[in-house]
Amino acid sequence: MHILNISLTFIVLLLACQLNSITAAQAQERGQTSPQLKGLIQGPVDNGSELTLRDLEKIAAEHNPTLVQADANIRAARGRAKQAGLMPNPVVGFQGEQFAFRYLGAKSEYFGFVEQTLPLGGKLKKSRRIYQRESERAEIEAIMQHQRVINAVRALFYEALGAQQQVELHTELSRIANDAVTTTKELLNVGQADKPDFFVSEIEAEQVNHELIVSRNHLHQIWQLIAALVGTPDMHISRLIGNLEERIPPFDENKQLTNLLQNSPQIKAAQARIEQARATVIRAKAEPIPDLFLRGAIGYSSEIIDTNITGNLKRTGPEGNLQVGMSLPLWNRNQGAIATAQADLAFAQSEVNRLKLQLRSQFASATQSYNNSLDAIKRYQNVIIPRADQAYEMYLAKFKQMGSSYPQVINAQRTMFQARKQYISTLVQMQQISTQLEGYLLSGGLDAPQSSADSSGNFNNFVQHAETEGVRSGTDNPLDTAGLIEY
């Protein structure tokens, strides 16, 4: 990054000016030294390690908790799909009846029974289909969450890389400013500078030293954000390896917008929700189809019966019974659940259109920022920075020849460094906008992915199961199975 490097020629010229004004022996005799910063500026953290963008992306893929949550959503949806297609469990029990308390062994009957509800109309398959669609949507949202994390990592990487370069820039400027204080004081002592010039150099040094502290604090803050995002809060600051001047050519806006609207994970997730809502409508309409209820029992009866015309009396002994029935959808035909499911389908269909319009709006804003940054970068590269360098060099040469005041040199120097600072900031903004455009405008690397159970439009409640009641003959079935069957 040649354009970001501070030319040492200016420093050499400044030092040469100092040497021409006073000798080293004179400076030593008067005991002049550079101003001390009194510990306000700490050295950069350097643990000897280096990291690239790919390194941070790999760490985030392994440790970011939202990716684990997104994967858990997929497993949960698949579990619901499996559960929704399971048959109701049979009911097994014991039944005793016709107990005559005066003669307990005279009429009593004892039965063991089995009850089973058989859902008809393909309800189990249709219920499972709802959650299969939900799992497909959860898979798309997991991809979307991964892209969110990648976008966030890249945005912070470029911001940290820019902050790192800003620290280097301010460190160099601080060294030059503090040297300038010493030089001006020496010039003042030999009568080649005025006292206001010395005051100006001191003010400039204080401002530059403060800006260096600010830049270090900013870099530290960005690293804290990076450490949290990648899921390793104890990560130490390392030197980042990258180039802010890569990936900045203009792009085809129409092609980029078409790709966004066709391949955005947000659009695909919304389309998957339409299919899930449609499956829910189908399931809700199948609910009024009656379920088949079966109950069989076998037991023993001690009741005395007349077996023939001769009057021989015998006990009934082993006997069985069978019940078959179904509910009649006379009043509850699941009208409310069907209406709810149809309304949710309409909502899901409109959501796709809403998302497309929202993405168009966000794309327009991002594109404007991209074009503005691109124009600024070209102007900094071609005009602003070269002219700032030339102006500083000319003022420094005039000052050496006693043709200009030292404050003019300081102002030119500050303009030169400010141009570089703004150039770095513009490059960071450009890289972050490029990341957003390439990453489908997704953000929120630490936002918890919405649980599919919470975002499914209450699909669990759309299918209102009709109560399945056991068929009774007189008082033969005291066990009511209403509310026990869930599918």
Protein backbone atom coordinates (compact mmCIF):
# COMPACT_ATOMS: atom_id res chain seq x y z
CA MET A 1 0.00 0.00 0.00
CA HIS A 2 2.49 2.56 -1.27
CA ILE A 3 0.06 5.46 -1.08
CA LEU A 4 -0.45 4.94 2.66
CA ASN A 5 3.27 4.94 3.55
CA ILE A 6 4.57 8.20 5.03
CA SER A 7 7.56 9.35 3.05
CA LEU A 8 10.71 9.57 5.12
CA THR A 9 12.00 12.31 2.85
CA PHE A 10 10.01 14.90 4.78
CA ILE A 11 11.45 13.74 8.07
CA VAL A 12 15.00 13.87 6.66
CA LEU A 13 14.42 17.40 5.43
CA LEU A 14 13.08 18.43 8.81
CA LEU A 15 16.07 16.95 10.60
CA ALA A 16 18.41 18.56 8.07
CA CYS A 17 16.85 21.90 8.86
CA GLN A 18 17.54 21.29 12.50
CA LEU A 19 21.16 20.36 11.85
CA ASN A 20 21.69 23.48 9.78
CA SER A 21 20.40 25.68 12.58
CA ILE A 22 22.21 24.29 15.59
CA THR A 23 24.84 21.71 16.19
CA ALA A 24 24.46 18.62 18.25
CA ALA A 25 27.06 19.95 20.65
CA GLN A 26 25.00 23.05 21.33
CA ALA A 27 21.91 20.97 22.02
CA GLN A 28 23.80 18.76 24.43
CA GLU A 29 25.32 21.75 26.18
CA ARG A 30 21.87 23.23 26.87
CA GLY A 31 20.49 19.80 27.88
CA GLN A 32 17.50 19.95 25.54
CA THR A 33 15.45 16.74 25.21
CA SER A 34 12.20 15.72 23.53
CA PRO A 35 9.01 16.24 25.58
CA GLN A 36 8.03 13.24 27.67
CA LEU A 37 4.53 11.80 27.24
CA LYS A 38 4.40 10.80 30.91
CA GLY A 39 2.96 7.34 30.23
CA LEU A 40 -0.18 8.55 28.51
CA ILE A 41 0.62 6.66 25.32
CA GLN A 42 1.13 2.95 25.77
CA GLY A 43 2.91 0.79 23.27
CA PRO A 44 0.85 -1.37 20.94
CA VAL A 45 -0.05 -4.85 22.06
CA ASP A 46 2.15 -7.25 20.15
CA ASN A 47 2.01 -10.91 21.04
CA GLY A 48 3.83 -11.88 17.88
CA SER A 49 0.77 -13.41 16.20
CA GLU A 50 -0.83 -12.48 12.90
CA LEU A 51 -4.34 -13.10 11.64
CA THR A 52 -5.95 -12.94 8.23
CA LEU A 53 -9.60 -12.53 7.34
CA ARG A 54 -9.87 -16.26 6.63
CA ASP A 55 -8.47 -17.04 10.09
CA LEU A 56 -11.18 -14.96 11.78
CA GLU A 57 -13.91 -16.49 9.62
CA LYS A 58 -12.76 -19.98 10.59
CA ILE A 59 -12.72 -19.12 14.30
CA ALA A 60 -16.21 -17.63 14.05
CA ALA A 61 -17.54 -20.70 12.22
CA GLU A 62 -16.31 -22.87 15.08
CA HIS A 63 -17.25 -20.73 18.09
CA ASN A 64 -20.02 -18.26 17.24
CA PRO A 65 -23.02 -19.41 19.36
CA THR A 66 -25.67 -18.25 16.88
CA LEU A 67 -24.51 -20.90 14.39
CA VAL A 68 -25.04 -23.57 17.03
CA GLN A 69 -28.52 -22.16 17.65
CA ALA A 70 -29.31 -22.20 13.93
CA ASP A 71 -28.28 -25.86 13.74
CA ALA A 72 -30.42 -26.60 16.80
CA ASN A 73 -33.42 -25.05 15.04
CA ILE A 74 -32.97 -27.51 12.17
CA ARG A 75 -32.86 -30.50 14.52
CA ALA A 76 -35.89 -29.21 16.43
CA ALA A 77 -37.92 -28.84 13.23
CA ARG A 78 -36.97 -32.31 12.09
CA GLY A 79 -37.98 -33.65 15.49
CA ARG A 80 -41.39 -31.99 15.20
CA ALA A 81 -41.80 -33.47 11.73
CA LYS A 82 -41.10 -36.94 13.08
CA GLN A 83 -43.44 -36.49 16.03
CA ALA A 84 -46.29 -35.13 13.92
CA GLY A 85 -46.40 -38.27 11.79
CA LEU A 86 -46.51 -40.80 14.62
CA MET A 87 -49.63 -42.89 15.25
CA PRO A 88 -51.55 -42.28 18.49
CA ASN A 89 -50.61 -44.67 21.26
CA PRO A 90 -53.12 -47.43 22.10
CA VAL A 91 -54.91 -47.37 25.45
CA VAL A 92 -54.72 -50.59 27.45
CA GLY A 93 -56.76 -51.06 30.62
CA PHE A 94 -58.93 -53.10 32.93
CA GLN A 95 -62.70 -52.92 33.27
CA GLY A 96 -64.91 -54.47 35.93
CA GLU A 97 -68.70 -54.09 36.12
CA GLN A 98 -72.00 -55.49 37.44
CA PHE A 99 -70.73 -55.96 40.98
CA ALA A 100 -73.57 -57.15 43.21
CA PHE A 101 -72.45 -56.28 46.71
CA ARG A 102 -74.72 -58.90 48.31
CA TYR A 103 -73.44 -61.58 45.94
CA LEU A 104 -70.07 -60.50 44.62
CA GLY A 105 -69.50 -63.70 42.70
CA ALA A 106 -72.96 -63.89 41.17
CA LYS A 107 -72.92 -61.30 38.33
CA SER A 108 -69.52 -59.59 38.18
CA GLU A 109 -67.70 -59.22 34.88
CA TYR A 110 -63.97 -58.56 34.34
CA PHE A 111 -62.40 -57.36 31.09
CA GLY A 112 -59.01 -56.40 29.72
CA PHE A 113 -59.39 -54.00 26.79
CA VAL A 114 -57.41 -52.21 24.09
CA GLU A 115 -58.46 -48.93 22.45
CA GLN A 116 -56.95 -47.40 19.32
CA THR A 117 -57.73 -44.25 17.34
CA LEU A 118 -56.94 -44.40 13.63
CA PRO A 119 -56.61 -40.90 12.04
CA LEU A 120 -58.16 -40.92 8.60
CA GLY A 121 -57.83 -38.58 5.62
CA GLY A 122 -54.01 -38.69 5.61
CA LYS A 123 -53.84 -36.44 8.66
CA LEU A 124 -50.55 -37.80 9.94
CA LYS A 125 -48.84 -37.42 6.59
CA LYS A 126 -50.20 -33.91 6.17
CA SER A 127 -49.16 -32.93 9.69
CA ARG A 128 -45.66 -34.21 9.05
CA ARG A 129 -45.53 -32.26 5.81
CA ILE A 130 -46.02 -28.99 7.72
CA TYR A 131 -42.90 -29.55 9.79
CA GLN A 132 -40.89 -30.92 6.90
CA ARG A 133 -41.46 -27.56 5.26
CA GLU A 134 -40.47 -25.92 8.54
CA SER A 135 -37.20 -27.88 8.63
CA GLU A 136 -36.47 -26.80 5.04
CA ARG A 137 -36.98 -23.21 6.09
CA ALA A 138 -34.76 -23.73 9.14
CA GLU A 139 -31.99 -24.98 6.84
CA ILE A 140 -32.27 -21.83 4.72
CA GLU A 141 -32.22 -19.67 7.83
CA ALA A 142 -29.09 -21.48 9.04
CA ILE A 143 -27.39 -20.54 5.78
CA MET A 144 -28.66 -16.99 6.27
CA GLN A 145 -27.26 -16.86 9.81
CA HIS A 146 -23.89 -18.11 8.60
CA GLN A 147 -23.84 -15.29 6.03
CA ARG A 148 -24.73 -12.79 8.76
CA VAL A 149 -21.75 -13.94 10.81
CA ILE A 150 -19.43 -13.80 7.79
CA ASN A 151 -20.61 -10.28 6.94
CA ALA A 152 -20.09 -9.10 10.50
CA VAL A 153 -16.62 -10.66 10.71
CA ARG A 154 -15.57 -9.03 7.45
CA ALA A 155 -16.96 -5.64 8.42
CA LEU A 156 -15.10 -5.69 11.74
CA PHE A 157 -11.95 -7.05 10.11
CA TYR A 158 -11.77 -4.12 7.70
CA GLU A 159 -12.60 -1.67 10.47
CA ALA A 160 -9.84 -3.14 12.65
CA LEU A 161 -7.42 -3.15 9.72
CA GLY A 162 -8.18 0.53 9.14
CA ALA A 163 -7.83 1.26 12.86
CA GLN A 164 -4.50 -0.55 12.87
CA GLN A 165 -3.26 1.63 10.03
CA GLN A 166 -4.60 4.73 11.75
CA VAL A 167 -2.55 3.82 14.85
CA GLU A 168 0.54 3.45 12.69
CA LEU A 169 -0.18 6.78 11.03
CA HIS A 170 -0.74 8.58 14.34
CA THR A 171 2.36 6.97 15.83
CA GLU A 172 4.49 8.35 13.01
CA LEU A 173 2.80 11.74 13.21
CA SER A 174 3.31 11.82 17.00
CA ARG A 175 7.02 11.13 16.58
CA ILE A 176 7.34 13.89 14.00
CA ALA A 177 5.33 16.35 16.11
CA ASN A 178 7.44 15.73 19.21
CA ASP A 179 10.63 16.07 17.18
CA ALA A 180 9.22 19.32 15.82
CA VAL A 181 8.84 20.67 19.36
CA THR A 182 12.52 19.98 20.02
CA THR A 183 13.55 21.48 16.69
CA THR A 184 11.48 24.64 17.21
CA LYS A 185 12.87 25.12 20.67
CA GLU A 186 16.40 24.85 19.34
CA LEU A 187 15.59 27.35 16.60
CA LEU A 188 14.11 29.65 19.20
CA ASN A 189 17.27 29.47 21.28
CA VAL A 190 19.45 30.50 18.33
CA GLY A 191 17.06 33.23 17.20
CA GLN A 192 15.78 31.51 14.06
CA ALA A 193 12.20 31.03 15.32
CA ASP A 194 9.72 33.12 17.27
CA LYS A 195 8.17 32.09 20.54
CA PRO A 196 4.67 31.81 19.00
CA ASP A 197 6.14 29.24 16.61
CA PHE A 198 7.26 27.20 19.61
CA PHE A 199 3.82 27.46 21.21
CA VAL A 200 2.18 26.31 17.97
CA SER A 201 4.48 23.28 17.79
CA GLU A 202 3.66 22.36 21.41
CA ILE A 203 -0.09 22.65 20.76
CA GLU A 204 0.24 20.52 17.66
CA ALA A 205 2.17 17.85 19.57
CA GLU A 206 -0.46 17.70 22.32
CA GLN A 207 -3.26 17.34 19.79
CA VAL A 208 -1.41 14.65 17.88
CA ASN A 209 -0.58 12.72 21.05
CA HIS A 210 -4.24 12.81 22.06
CA GLU A 211 -5.30 11.55 18.63
CA LEU A 212 -2.84 8.69 19.00
CA ILE A 213 -4.45 7.69 22.30
CA VAL A 214 -7.90 7.87 20.69
CA SER A 215 -6.79 5.71 17.78
CA ARG A 216 -5.31 3.08 20.13
CA ASN A 217 -8.48 3.02 22.21
CA HIS A 218 -10.55 2.63 19.05
CA LEU A 219 -8.44 -0.32 17.90
CA HIS A 220 -8.81 -1.93 21.32
CA GLN A 221 -12.58 -1.51 21.19
CA ILE A 222 -12.80 -3.06 17.71
CA TRP A 223 -10.80 -6.05 18.91
CA GLN A 224 -13.20 -6.53 21.80
CA LEU A 225 -16.06 -6.60 19.30
CA ILE A 226 -14.18 -9.08 17.10
CA ALA A 227 -13.43 -11.35 20.06
CA ALA A 228 -17.10 -11.37 21.07
CA LEU A 229 -18.30 -11.98 17.52
CA VAL A 230 -16.04 -14.96 16.86
CA GLY A 231 -16.97 -16.46 20.23
CA THR A 232 -13.54 -16.19 21.88
CA PRO A 233 -13.76 -13.29 24.37
CA ASP A 234 -10.23 -13.92 25.67
CA MET A 235 -8.63 -13.37 22.26
CA HIS A 236 -5.58 -11.10 22.36
CA ILE A 237 -4.92 -8.33 19.89
CA SER A 238 -2.94 -9.60 16.93
CA ARG A 239 -1.58 -7.92 13.86
CA LEU A 240 -4.03 -8.17 10.95
CA ILE A 241 -2.78 -9.03 7.50
CA GLY A 242 -4.83 -7.54 4.68
CA ASN A 243 -5.12 -4.90 2.00
CA LEU A 244 -7.74 -2.17 2.17
CA GLU A 245 -7.21 -1.24 -1.47
CA GLU A 246 -8.40 -4.56 -2.89
CA ARG A 247 -11.92 -5.32 -4.14
CA ILE A 248 -12.93 -1.77 -5.06
CA PRO A 249 -13.88 -1.81 -8.77
CA PRO A 250 -17.30 -0.48 -9.85
CA PHE A 251 -19.99 -3.09 -10.30
CA ASP A 252 -23.07 -3.65 -12.46
CA GLU A 253 -25.94 -2.41 -10.32
CA ASN A 254 -28.69 -4.12 -12.34
CA LYS A 255 -26.90 -7.47 -12.24
CA GLN A 256 -26.22 -7.14 -8.52
CA LEU A 257 -29.84 -6.23 -7.77
CA THR A 258 -31.15 -9.15 -9.83
CA ASN A 259 -28.86 -11.53 -7.97
CA LEU A 260 -30.02 -10.09 -4.64
CA LEU A 261 -33.73 -10.52 -5.40
CA GLN A 262 -33.29 -14.04 -6.81
CA ASN A 263 -30.78 -15.56 -4.40
CA SER A 264 -31.25 -13.70 -1.13
CA PRO A 265 -31.67 -16.19 1.75
CA GLN A 266 -34.33 -13.87 3.16
CA ILE A 267 -36.43 -14.29 0.01
CA LYS A 268 -35.87 -18.05 -0.04
CA ALA A 269 -36.86 -18.36 3.61
CA ALA A 270 -40.03 -16.34 2.94
CA GLN A 271 -40.87 -18.58 -0.02
CA ALA A 272 -40.35 -21.66 2.16
CA ARG A 273 -42.76 -20.18 4.67
CA ILE A 274 -45.39 -19.91 1.93
CA GLU A 275 -45.07 -23.65 1.32
CA GLN A 276 -45.32 -24.31 5.03
CA ALA A 277 -48.43 -22.15 5.29
CA ARG A 278 -49.95 -23.92 2.30
CA ALA A 279 -49.31 -27.30 3.95
CA THR A 280 -51.03 -26.00 7.07
CA VAL A 281 -54.13 -25.05 5.08
CA ILE A 282 -54.28 -28.56 3.63
CA ARG A 283 -53.93 -30.10 7.08
CA ALA A 284 -56.56 -27.84 8.61
CA LYS A 285 -59.05 -28.77 5.88
CA ALA A 286 -58.46 -32.47 6.57
CA GLU A 287 -59.26 -32.14 10.27
CA PRO A 288 -63.09 -32.51 9.93
CA ILE A 289 -62.64 -35.98 8.39
CA PRO A 290 -63.75 -38.35 11.21
CA ASP A 291 -61.19 -40.56 12.89
CA LEU A 292 -61.94 -44.24 13.39
CA PHE A 293 -62.23 -45.41 16.99
CA LEU A 294 -61.72 -49.11 17.82
CA ARG A 295 -62.13 -50.81 21.18
CA GLY A 296 -61.89 -54.53 21.89
CA ALA A 297 -62.12 -56.34 25.21
CA ILE A 298 -61.96 -59.92 26.45
CA GLY A 299 -62.83 -61.09 29.93
CA TYR A 300 -64.79 -63.34 32.23
CA SER A 301 -68.38 -63.14 33.46
CA SER A 302 -69.61 -64.96 36.56
CA GLU A 303 -73.27 -64.37 35.69
CA ILE A 304 -75.52 -67.50 35.79
CA ILE A 305 -77.32 -68.24 32.54
CA ASP A 306 -79.81 -70.88 31.43
CA THR A 307 -78.02 -72.96 28.80
CA ASN A 308 -80.95 -75.21 27.67
CA ILE A 309 -84.59 -75.94 28.10
CA THR A 310 -83.91 -78.54 30.75
CA GLY A 311 -83.04 -75.77 33.16
CA ASN A 312 -79.35 -76.53 33.69
CA LEU A 313 -77.70 -73.39 35.08
CA LYS A 314 -74.12 -72.44 34.24
CA ARG A 315 -71.95 -69.39 34.53
CA THR A 316 -71.32 -67.31 31.38
CA GLY A 317 -67.52 -67.67 31.60
CA PRO A 318 -65.21 -66.10 28.97
CA GLU A 319 -66.70 -63.40 26.78
CA GLY A 320 -65.61 -60.42 24.63
CA ASN A 321 -66.91 -57.19 23.15
CA LEU A 322 -66.01 -54.91 20.25
CA GLN A 323 -66.78 -51.22 19.71
CA VAL A 324 -66.31 -49.24 16.53
CA GLY A 325 -67.17 -45.57 16.15
CA MET A 326 -66.22 -42.20 14.83
CA SER A 327 -66.91 -38.54 15.64
CA LEU A 328 -69.42 -36.65 13.53
CA PRO A 329 -68.31 -33.17 12.34
CA LEU A 330 -71.73 -31.59 12.84
CA TRP A 331 -70.86 -28.32 14.57
CA ASN A 332 -67.08 -28.21 14.78
CA ARG A 333 -65.70 -28.52 11.27
CA ASN A 334 -62.45 -26.73 12.13
CA GLN A 335 -63.75 -23.52 10.53
CA GLY A 336 -61.69 -21.21 12.71
CA ALA A 337 -58.40 -23.08 12.18
CA ILE A 338 -58.96 -23.18 8.42
CA ALA A 339 -59.60 -19.43 8.32
CA THR A 340 -56.50 -18.81 10.42
CA ALA A 341 -54.34 -20.98 8.16
CA GLN A 342 -55.64 -19.26 5.04
CA ALA A 343 -54.94 -15.84 6.56
CA ASP A 344 -51.41 -16.89 7.41
CA LEU A 345 -50.90 -18.11 3.84
CA ALA A 346 -51.99 -14.70 2.54
CA PHE A 347 -49.62 -13.05 5.03
CA ALA A 348 -46.70 -15.24 3.93
CA GLN A 349 -47.35 -14.49 0.27
CA SER A 350 -47.36 -10.75 0.93
CA GLU A 351 -44.21 -11.07 3.01
CA VAL A 352 -42.21 -12.07 -0.07
CA ASN A 353 -43.28 -8.89 -1.86
CA ARG A 354 -42.56 -6.80 1.22
CA LEU A 355 -39.06 -8.24 1.53
CA LYS A 356 -38.28 -7.56 -2.12
CA LEU A 357 -39.32 -3.93 -1.74
CA GLN A 358 -37.33 -3.60 1.46
CA LEU A 359 -34.22 -5.09 -0.17
CA ARG A 360 -34.59 -2.71 -3.10
CA SER A 361 -34.65 0.22 -0.68
CA GLN A 362 -31.61 -1.04 1.24
CA PHE A 363 -29.78 -1.77 -2.01
CA ALA A 364 -30.38 1.77 -3.26
CA SER A 365 -28.96 3.25 -0.06
CA ALA A 366 -25.92 0.93 -0.09
CA THR A 367 -25.27 1.60 -3.77
CA GLN A 368 -25.31 5.35 -3.20
CA SER A 369 -22.78 5.01 -0.39
CA TYR A 370 -20.66 2.69 -2.54
CA ASN A 371 -20.55 5.12 -5.47
CA ASN A 372 -19.79 8.07 -3.19
CA SER A 373 -16.94 6.18 -1.53
CA LEU A 374 -15.58 5.02 -4.87
CA ASP A 375 -15.50 8.58 -6.18
CA ALA A 376 -13.80 9.80 -3.00
CA ILE A 377 -11.14 7.08 -3.21
CA LYS A 378 -10.26 8.03 -6.78
CA ARG A 379 -9.94 11.70 -5.83
CA TYR A 380 -7.74 10.90 -2.83
CA GLN A 381 -5.52 8.67 -4.95
CA ASN A 382 -5.21 10.95 -7.97
CA VAL A 383 -5.33 14.48 -6.56
CA ILE A 384 -5.76 15.08 -2.83
CA ILE A 385 -2.92 12.99 -1.38
CA PRO A 386 -0.35 13.84 -4.10
CA ARG A 387 -1.16 17.55 -3.79
CA ALA A 388 -1.00 17.44 0.01
CA ASP A 389 2.41 15.80 -0.20
CA GLN A 390 3.63 18.41 -2.66
CA ALA A 391 2.32 21.30 -0.55
CA TYR A 392 4.06 20.00 2.55
CA GLU A 393 7.31 19.48 0.68
CA MET A 394 7.19 23.00 -0.76
CA TYR A 395 6.48 24.64 2.60
CA LEU A 396 9.24 22.64 4.20
CA ALA A 397 11.69 23.72 1.49
CA LYS A 398 10.69 27.39 1.90
CA PHE A 399 11.02 27.12 5.67
CA LYS A 400 14.51 25.73 5.24
CA GLN A 401 15.33 28.78 3.13
CA MET A 402 13.65 31.05 5.73
CA GLY A 403 10.92 31.86 3.21
CA SER A 404 7.96 30.69 5.32
CA SER A 405 7.04 30.36 8.98
CA TYR A 406 7.09 27.10 10.84
CA PRO A 407 3.30 27.16 11.55
CA GLN A 408 2.79 26.98 7.80
CA VAL A 409 4.88 23.82 7.73
CA ILE A 410 2.85 22.36 10.59
CA ASN A 411 -0.45 23.18 8.88
CA ALA A 412 0.73 21.59 5.64
CA GLN A 413 1.90 18.56 7.55
CA ARG A 414 -1.45 18.20 9.32
CA THR A 415 -3.29 18.53 6.00
CA MET A 416 -1.13 15.76 4.56
CA PHE A 417 -1.83 13.40 7.45
CA GLN A 418 -5.53 14.29 7.57
CA ALA A 419 -5.83 13.38 3.89
CA ARG A 420 -4.31 9.98 4.61
CA LYS A 421 -6.59 9.47 7.62
CA GLN A 422 -9.67 10.28 5.56
CA TYR A 423 -8.43 8.02 2.78
CA ILE A 424 -8.11 5.09 5.18
CA SER A 425 -11.59 5.78 6.61
CA THR A 426 -13.06 5.89 3.10
CA LEU A 427 -11.37 2.60 2.21
CA VAL A 428 -12.84 0.98 5.32
CA GLN A 429 -16.30 2.25 4.44
CA MET A 430 -15.92 0.98 0.89
CA GLN A 431 -14.90 -2.50 2.05
CA GLN A 432 -17.79 -2.68 4.51
CA ILE A 433 -20.33 -1.62 1.88
CA SER A 434 -18.87 -4.14 -0.58
CA THR A 435 -19.25 -6.82 2.07
CA GLN A 436 -22.90 -5.93 2.58
CA LEU A 437 -23.65 -5.97 -1.14
CA GLU A 438 -21.89 -9.28 -1.65
CA GLY A 439 -23.51 -10.73 1.48
CA TYR A 440 -27.16 -10.03 0.52
CA LEU A 441 -27.39 -7.01 2.89
CA LEU A 442 -27.47 -9.28 5.94
CA SER A 443 -26.27 -8.12 9.34
CA GLY A 444 -26.45 -9.19 12.98
CA GLY A 445 -23.69 -11.72 13.59
CA LEU A 446 -24.59 -12.02 17.29
CA ASP A 447 -28.37 -11.72 16.98
CA ALA A 448 -30.00 -14.99 18.02
CA PRO A 449 -31.67 -16.72 15.07
CA GLN A 450 -35.40 -16.79 15.55
CA SER A 451 -36.63 -20.17 16.63
CA SER A 452 -38.62 -21.84 13.88
CA ALA A 453 -41.25 -22.77 16.46
CA ASP A 454 -41.67 -19.08 17.35
CA SER A 455 -41.62 -17.80 13.77
CA SER A 456 -43.81 -20.44 12.15
CA GLY A 457 -46.98 -18.46 12.58
CA ASN A 458 -48.26 -20.74 15.37
CA PHE A 459 -48.59 -23.69 13.03
CA ASN A 460 -49.03 -25.97 16.02
CA ASN A 461 -52.24 -24.18 16.89
CA PHE A 462 -53.68 -24.05 13.38
CA VAL A 463 -54.78 -27.68 13.45
CA GLN A 464 -57.45 -27.91 16.09
CA HIS A 465 -58.00 -31.58 16.83
CA ALA A 466 -61.57 -32.64 17.31
CA GLU A 467 -62.15 -34.56 20.50
CA THR A 468 -62.15 -38.29 20.02
CA GLU A 469 -64.71 -39.83 22.26
CA GLY A 470 -64.98 -43.50 23.07
CA VAL A 471 -68.17 -45.18 21.88
CA ARG A 472 -70.36 -46.23 24.76
CA SER A 473 -73.15 -48.79 25.03
CA GLY A 474 -75.03 -48.08 28.18
CA THR A 475 -72.41 -47.98 30.93
CA ASP A 476 -70.11 -50.49 29.32
CA ASN A 477 -67.28 -48.02 28.71
CA PRO A 478 -66.50 -45.98 31.79
CA LEU A 479 -63.11 -44.95 30.39
CA ASP A 480 -63.50 -41.79 28.29
CA THR A 481 -60.55 -41.29 25.97
CA ALA A 482 -61.42 -37.68 25.12
CA GLY A 483 -58.34 -35.52 25.29
CA LEU A 484 -55.92 -38.46 25.64
CA ILE A 485 -55.13 -38.77 21.94
CA GLU A 486 -52.59 -36.36 20.49
CA TYR A 487 -51.22 -36.57 16.98
